[in-house]
């Protein structure tokens, strides 16, 4: 039952190939936000 639902969901939702230019752009933006924002918050933290 769950396998059938997942197969149908993957057919409907589609997706982006990770090696396409759009996929690499999405991946890069995701990494920048995941790593960059916390790093900036740590480095430029509250100054007393």
Protein backbone atom coordinates (compact mmCIF):
# COMPACT_ATOMS: atom_id res chain seq x y z
CA UNK A 1 0.00 0.00 0.00
CA UNK A 2 2.70 2.48 0.99
CA UNK A 3 4.92 1.44 -1.94
CA UNK A 4 2.11 2.05 -4.42
CA UNK A 5 1.40 5.47 -2.89
CA UNK A 6 5.08 6.46 -3.05
CA UNK A 7 5.34 5.37 -6.69
CA UNK A 8 2.30 7.44 -7.61
CA UNK A 9 3.62 10.44 -5.66
CA UNK A 10 6.96 10.30 -7.45
CA UNK A 11 5.21 10.16 -10.81
CA UNK A 12 3.02 13.16 -10.03
CA UNK A 13 5.63 15.34 -8.31
CA UNK A 14 8.42 14.85 -10.85
CA UNK A 15 11.59 16.63 -9.86
CA UNK A 16 14.83 18.15 -11.08
CA UNK A 17 17.83 16.15 -12.20
CA UNK A 18 20.62 16.94 -9.72
CA UNK A 19 23.28 17.14 -12.46
CA UNK A 20 21.33 19.62 -14.58
CA UNK A 21 22.19 23.34 -14.33
CA UNK A 22 18.98 24.01 -12.39
CA UNK A 23 19.70 21.13 -9.99
CA UNK A 24 23.22 22.38 -9.33
CA UNK A 25 21.91 25.90 -8.77
CA UNK A 26 19.33 24.68 -6.24
CA UNK A 27 21.98 22.55 -4.51
CA UNK A 28 24.44 25.47 -4.32
CA UNK A 29 21.84 27.85 -2.89
CA UNK A 30 20.83 25.22 -0.34
CA UNK A 31 24.41 24.67 0.79
CA UNK A 32 25.07 28.42 1.00
CA UNK A 33 22.05 28.96 3.23
CA UNK A 34 22.68 25.84 5.33
CA UNK A 35 26.34 26.62 6.00
CA UNK A 36 26.63 30.35 5.31
CA UNK A 37 23.86 31.80 7.44
CA UNK A 38 24.84 30.02 10.68
CA UNK A 39 28.51 30.82 10.02
CA UNK A 40 27.73 34.52 9.54
CA UNK A 41 25.63 34.49 12.71
CA UNK A 42 28.51 32.95 14.66
CA UNK A 43 31.21 35.23 13.26
CA UNK A 44 29.19 38.45 13.47
CA UNK A 45 27.49 37.55 16.72
CA UNK A 46 26.36 39.89 19.46
CA UNK A 47 29.13 42.29 20.44
CA UNK A 48 29.07 43.54 24.01
